[in-house]
Protein backbone atom coordinates (compact mmCIF):
# COMPACT_ATOMS: atom_id res chain seq x y z
CA UNK A 1 9.11 -17.62 -6.50
CA UNK A 2 11.53 -18.31 -3.66
CA UNK A 3 13.68 -15.57 -2.11
CA UNK A 4 16.23 -15.38 0.66
CA UNK A 5 16.10 -12.90 3.54
CA UNK A 6 18.89 -11.32 5.55
CA UNK A 7 19.15 -14.35 7.85
CA UNK A 8 19.75 -16.66 4.92
CA UNK A 9 16.50 -18.64 5.23
CA UNK A 10 14.47 -19.35 2.11
CA UNK A 11 11.01 -17.80 1.68
CA UNK A 12 8.52 -20.45 0.62
CA UNK A 13 5.84 -17.89 -0.33
CA UNK A 14 5.83 -14.16 -1.11
CA UNK A 15 3.25 -11.45 -1.74
CA UNK A 16 3.45 -7.73 -2.56
CA UNK A 17 0.92 -5.03 -1.65
CA UNK A 18 0.58 -1.52 -0.26
CA UNK A 19 -0.02 -0.89 3.41
CA UNK A 20 0.24 1.64 6.21
CA UNK A 21 3.41 1.56 8.28
CA UNK A 22 1.38 1.76 11.50
CA UNK A 23 -1.98 0.35 12.67
CA UNK A 24 -4.75 1.57 10.35
CA UNK A 25 -6.77 3.32 13.07
CA UNK A 26 -3.68 5.18 14.24
CA UNK A 27 -2.88 6.33 10.72
CA UNK A 28 -6.43 7.59 10.17
CA UNK A 29 -6.32 9.50 13.46
CA UNK A 30 -3.01 11.12 12.53
CA UNK A 31 -4.22 12.08 9.04
CA UNK A 32 -7.42 13.55 10.52
CA UNK A 33 -5.48 15.49 13.15
CA UNK A 34 -3.08 17.00 10.58
CA UNK A 35 -5.73 17.95 7.99
CA UNK A 36 -8.32 19.34 10.41
CA UNK A 37 -5.58 21.26 12.21
CA UNK A 38 -4.52 22.79 8.89
CA UNK A 39 -8.09 23.88 8.10
CA UNK A 40 -8.44 25.44 11.56
CA UNK A 41 -5.19 27.39 11.09
CA UNK A 42 -6.29 28.46 7.61
CA UNK A 43 -9.61 29.76 8.93
CA UNK A 44 -7.86 31.73 11.69
CA UNK A 45 -5.43 33.15 9.11
CA UNK A 46 -8.33 34.28 6.92
CA UNK A 47 -7.39 32.19 3.88
CA UNK A 48 -9.94 32.03 1.03
CA UNK A 49 -12.14 28.92 1.02
CA UNK A 50 -10.66 27.60 -2.24
CA UNK A 51 -7.10 27.98 -0.96
CA UNK A 52 -8.02 26.41 2.37
CA UNK A 53 -9.57 23.38 0.64
CA UNK A 54 -6.52 23.05 -1.62
CA UNK A 55 -4.31 23.09 1.48
CA UNK A 56 -6.53 20.43 3.07
CA UNK A 57 -6.36 18.09 0.05
CA UNK A 58 -2.64 18.63 -0.44
CA UNK A 59 -1.85 17.87 3.19
CA UNK A 60 -4.06 14.77 3.09
CA UNK A 61 -2.25 13.33 0.06
CA UNK A 62 1.14 14.29 1.52
CA UNK A 63 0.40 12.66 4.91
CA UNK A 64 -0.97 9.49 3.32
CA UNK A 65 2.16 9.20 1.17
CA UNK A 66 4.36 9.47 4.26
CA UNK A 67 2.42 6.90 6.28
CA UNK A 68 2.03 4.35 3.45
CA UNK A 69 4.53 2.01 1.89
CA UNK A 70 5.23 -0.82 -0.54
CA UNK A 71 5.24 -4.05 1.47
CA UNK A 72 6.69 -7.44 0.56
CA UNK A 73 5.47 -10.28 2.77
CA UNK A 74 7.29 -13.60 2.98
CA UNK A 75 6.56 -16.89 4.72
CA UNK A 76 9.71 -18.53 6.12
CA UNK A 77 10.10 -21.81 7.98
CA UNK A 78 10.39 -19.91 11.26
CA UNK A 79 7.95 -17.05 10.73
CA UNK A 80 6.74 -14.15 8.60
CA UNK A 81 8.84 -11.29 7.21
CA UNK A 82 7.57 -7.85 6.18
CA UNK A 83 9.88 -5.70 4.04
CA UNK A 84 8.65 -2.12 3.91
CA UNK A 85 9.71 0.74 1.66
CA UNK A 86 8.27 4.20 0.99
CA UNK A 87 5.93 4.64 -1.94
CA UNK A 88 7.72 5.34 -5.22
CA UNK A 89 5.85 8.63 -5.67
CA UNK A 90 6.24 9.76 -2.03
CA UNK A 91 7.93 13.21 -1.86
CA UNK A 92 9.99 12.11 1.17
CA UNK A 93 11.37 8.57 1.48
CA UNK A 94 11.07 7.68 5.16
CA UNK A 95 10.80 3.89 5.16
CA UNK A 96 13.26 1.16 4.31
CA UNK A 97 12.99 -1.51 6.98
CA UNK A 98 12.41 -5.19 7.59
CA UNK A 99 10.26 -6.68 10.33
CA UNK A 100 10.74 -10.30 11.33
CA UNK A 101 8.01 -12.18 13.21
CA UNK A 102 8.41 -15.72 14.48
CA UNK A 103 5.41 -18.04 14.65
CA UNK A 104 5.39 -17.45 18.41
CA UNK A 105 4.74 -13.75 17.67
CA UNK A 106 1.51 -14.64 15.85
CA UNK A 107 -1.55 -14.64 18.13
CA UNK A 108 -4.18 -15.63 15.56
CA UNK A 109 -5.01 -15.15 11.91
CA UNK A 110 -8.17 -14.58 9.92
CA UNK A 111 -8.78 -15.33 6.28
CA UNK A 112 -11.86 -14.48 4.25
CA UNK A 113 -13.56 -12.40 1.59
CA UNK A 114 -15.05 -8.93 1.75
CA UNK A 115 -16.59 -6.35 -0.59
CA UNK A 116 -15.24 -2.84 -1.10
CA UNK A 117 -17.31 0.33 -1.38
CA UNK A 118 -17.07 -0.01 -5.16
CA UNK A 119 -18.73 -3.47 -4.82
CA UNK A 120 -15.50 -5.25 -5.73
CA UNK A 121 -14.93 -8.58 -3.99
CA UNK A 122 -11.48 -9.07 -2.51
CA UNK A 123 -9.66 -11.60 -0.35
CA UNK A 124 -7.92 -10.69 2.89
CA UNK A 125 -5.55 -12.20 5.39
CA UNK A 126 -5.25 -10.62 8.84
CA UNK A 127 -2.38 -11.68 11.08
CA UNK A 128 -2.71 -10.63 14.72
CA UNK A 129 0.65 -10.18 16.48
CA UNK A 130 1.83 -9.94 20.06
CA UNK A 131 4.06 -6.96 19.21
CA UNK A 132 4.18 -3.83 17.05
CA UNK A 133 2.46 -3.21 14.67
CA UNK A 134 0.10 -5.77 16.30
CA UNK A 135 -1.69 -6.61 13.04
CA UNK A 136 -0.72 -7.26 9.42
CA UNK A 137 -3.46 -6.99 6.81
CA UNK A 138 -2.98 -8.34 3.30
CA UNK A 139 -5.56 -7.83 0.53
CA UNK A 140 -5.63 -8.37 -3.22
CA UNK A 141 -7.44 -5.11 -4.01
CA UNK A 142 -4.39 -3.84 -5.91
CA UNK A 143 -2.67 -7.18 -6.45
CA UNK A 144 -3.07 -10.53 -8.16
CA UNK A 145 -5.84 -12.57 -6.50
CA UNK A 146 -4.14 -15.85 -7.35
CA UNK A 147 -0.87 -14.78 -5.72
CA UNK A 148 -2.59 -13.93 -2.43
CA UNK A 149 -4.51 -17.22 -2.49
CA UNK A 150 -1.23 -19.16 -2.89
CA UNK A 151 0.41 -17.11 -0.14
CA UNK A 152 -2.53 -17.79 2.21
CA UNK A 153 -2.42 -21.53 1.50
CA UNK A 154 1.26 -21.78 2.41
CA UNK A 155 0.86 -19.49 5.45
CA UNK A 156 -2.08 -21.51 6.71
CA UNK A 157 -0.26 -24.83 6.38
CA UNK A 158 2.60 -23.55 8.52
CA UNK A 159 0.23 -21.87 10.99
CA UNK A 160 -1.68 -25.12 11.48
CA UNK A 161 1.51 -27.13 11.92
CA UNK A 162 1.41 -28.92 8.55
CA UNK A 163 5.05 -29.32 7.55
CA UNK A 164 4.36 -30.86 4.15
CA UNK A 165 4.39 -27.48 2.43
CA UNK A 166 4.05 -27.14 -1.33
CA UNK A 167 6.10 -24.28 -2.73
CA UNK A 168 6.47 -22.82 -6.20
CA UNK A 169 9.78 -22.13 -7.89
CA UNK A 170 10.90 -21.23 -11.37
CA UNK A 171 11.04 -24.91 -12.35
CA UNK A 172 7.51 -25.73 -11.18
CA UNK A 173 5.91 -27.13 -8.02
CA UNK A 174 7.97 -28.67 -5.25
CA UNK A 175 7.13 -30.61 -2.12
CA UNK A 176 9.07 -29.83 1.02
CA UNK A 177 9.03 -31.25 4.55
CA UNK A 178 10.25 -28.79 7.17
CA UNK A 179 10.26 -29.42 10.88
CA UNK A 180 7.71 -27.18 12.58
CA UNK A 181 8.61 -26.62 16.23
CA UNK A 182 5.83 -24.11 16.92
CA UNK A 183 2.32 -24.80 18.24
CA UNK A 184 -0.59 -24.53 15.83
CA UNK A 185 -1.92 -20.99 15.52
CA UNK A 186 -5.62 -20.35 16.02
CA UNK A 187 -7.67 -19.33 12.99
CA UNK A 188 -10.21 -16.72 14.05
CA UNK A 189 -13.56 -17.29 12.32
CA UNK A 190 -14.86 -14.71 9.91
CA UNK A 191 -17.54 -12.46 11.46
CA UNK A 192 -20.23 -13.84 9.15
CA UNK A 193 -19.45 -17.38 10.33
CA UNK A 194 -20.27 -16.61 13.95
CA UNK A 195 -23.60 -16.89 15.79
CA UNK A 196 -23.13 -13.25 16.79
CA UNK A 197 -23.58 -12.23 13.13
CA UNK A 198 -27.06 -13.83 13.08
CA UNK A 199 -27.96 -12.10 16.34
CA UNK A 200 -26.89 -8.72 14.91
CA UNK A 201 -28.88 -9.36 11.72
CA UNK A 202 -32.13 -10.20 13.52
CA UNK A 203 -31.70 -7.27 15.92
CA UNK A 204 -31.29 -4.89 12.99
CA UNK A 205 -34.29 -6.43 11.22
CA UNK A 206 -36.44 -6.13 14.36
CA UNK A 207 -35.28 -2.54 14.95
CA UNK A 208 -36.17 -1.37 11.43
CA UNK A 209 -39.52 -3.18 11.49
CA UNK A 210 -40.43 -1.48 14.78
CA UNK A 211 -39.57 1.91 13.29
CA UNK A 212 -41.63 1.24 10.16
CA UNK A 213 -44.67 0.03 12.15
CA UNK A 214 -44.43 2.99 14.55
CA UNK A 215 -44.34 5.45 11.64
CA UNK A 216 -47.42 3.86 10.07
CA UNK A 217 -49.45 3.68 13.33
CA UNK A 218 -48.71 7.29 14.26
CA UNK A 219 -49.37 8.54 10.70
CA UNK A 220 -46.01 10.26 10.94
CA UNK A 221 -44.79 9.15 7.56
CA UNK A 222 -44.94 9.65 3.82
CA UNK A 223 -44.88 6.86 1.27
CA UNK A 224 -41.88 8.45 -0.47
CA UNK A 225 -39.96 8.54 2.83
CA UNK A 226 -40.68 4.86 3.48
CA UNK A 227 -39.54 3.99 -0.04
CA UNK A 228 -36.32 5.95 0.42
CA UNK A 229 -35.61 4.15 3.69
CA UNK A 230 -36.42 0.78 2.10
CA UNK A 231 -34.05 1.48 -0.84
CA UNK A 232 -31.22 1.96 1.64
CA UNK A 233 -32.06 -0.67 4.28
CA UNK A 234 -33.38 -3.63 2.27
CA UNK A 235 -30.28 -4.11 0.06
CA UNK A 236 -28.06 -3.83 3.14
CA UNK A 237 -30.03 -6.44 5.06
CA UNK A 238 -30.15 -8.69 2.01
CA UNK A 239 -26.37 -8.48 1.58
CA UNK A 240 -25.87 -9.18 5.30
CA UNK A 241 -28.05 -12.31 5.14
CA UNK A 242 -26.48 -13.40 1.84
CA UNK A 243 -23.04 -13.30 3.44
CA UNK A 244 -24.23 -15.35 6.43
CA UNK A 245 -25.80 -17.98 4.18
CA UNK A 246 -22.74 -18.07 1.92
CA UNK A 247 -20.46 -18.76 4.89
CA UNK A 248 -22.89 -21.45 6.10
CA UNK A 249 -22.89 -23.20 2.70
CA UNK A 250 -19.09 -23.00 2.53
CA UNK A 251 -18.80 -24.66 5.94
CA UNK A 252 -21.19 -27.45 4.90
CA UNK A 253 -19.14 -28.16 1.78
CA UNK A 254 -15.87 -28.44 3.70
C-alpha cells in the first residue's frame, strides 16, 4: 500500500514493527543501569527480597516501555523514512517523531535469516547509517513475513540502483521507473557467508576436541560430564555448520 510522507513524496513500500528508539546496545545498558541501581538502593534501604524483586521487574518493564516504540518504515524514491511513536500500552508517551534518511545516509545494508532463542526462524534487514541512530533493524518476529520480504525487495532494488521498481497498490501490481541519482549501496554479506565463519567453526571444533582429549588422557573426567558437554556443544556446532552450508547452497543456486 502506498502512502505519502510530510514532504509529499510517495512511499513505494512500507513495513510496521516494534523497535528501540536508540541503538540496541545503548538501550540495554540504560535498562541494566536503572534496574541494578534500583536493586542496590533497595538493599541499602533494607527492603524485603520479594518487594525488591517486584521493584526490579516493575522498573524493567517501565524502562523498556519508555525506550521502545511502534515504528513504520517507508521506502521513498530519495531514501528511507522511519515514523516512531510510543507503545500503545506505555504509561508515558514520549515519542512521536519522523526520521528521514536519504540514500547518501545509508552506509551499507544486510539482509538474511536468523533463529530466535525459541527456535523460530525470522528474516531481518539491517540498515547501517552515517548518522543517528546509526542502524535500523527490521525483523518479522512480530510481523507478517511476506510484508517484510516485499519491503526488502523494493529497498534492495533502490539500494542497488535498479530504478525499475515494482510497487503494490490497492488495484494490484504496478511497474514504475524512477530516476535514481544515488550510487549503489553495498550489501554486507551475512556472517555465515564469509570465510571468517568457517575459520571460527573449525577453531571452536578444534578447541572442544582438545578439551575432550585432555580430559580423557588425564583421567579427569566422568562419562556423565562428557555426555552433558556433548549435549550442549554438538547441537550448537551442528547448527553452526548447517547455517554455513545453507548459505553456500543458496549462493550456488543464485
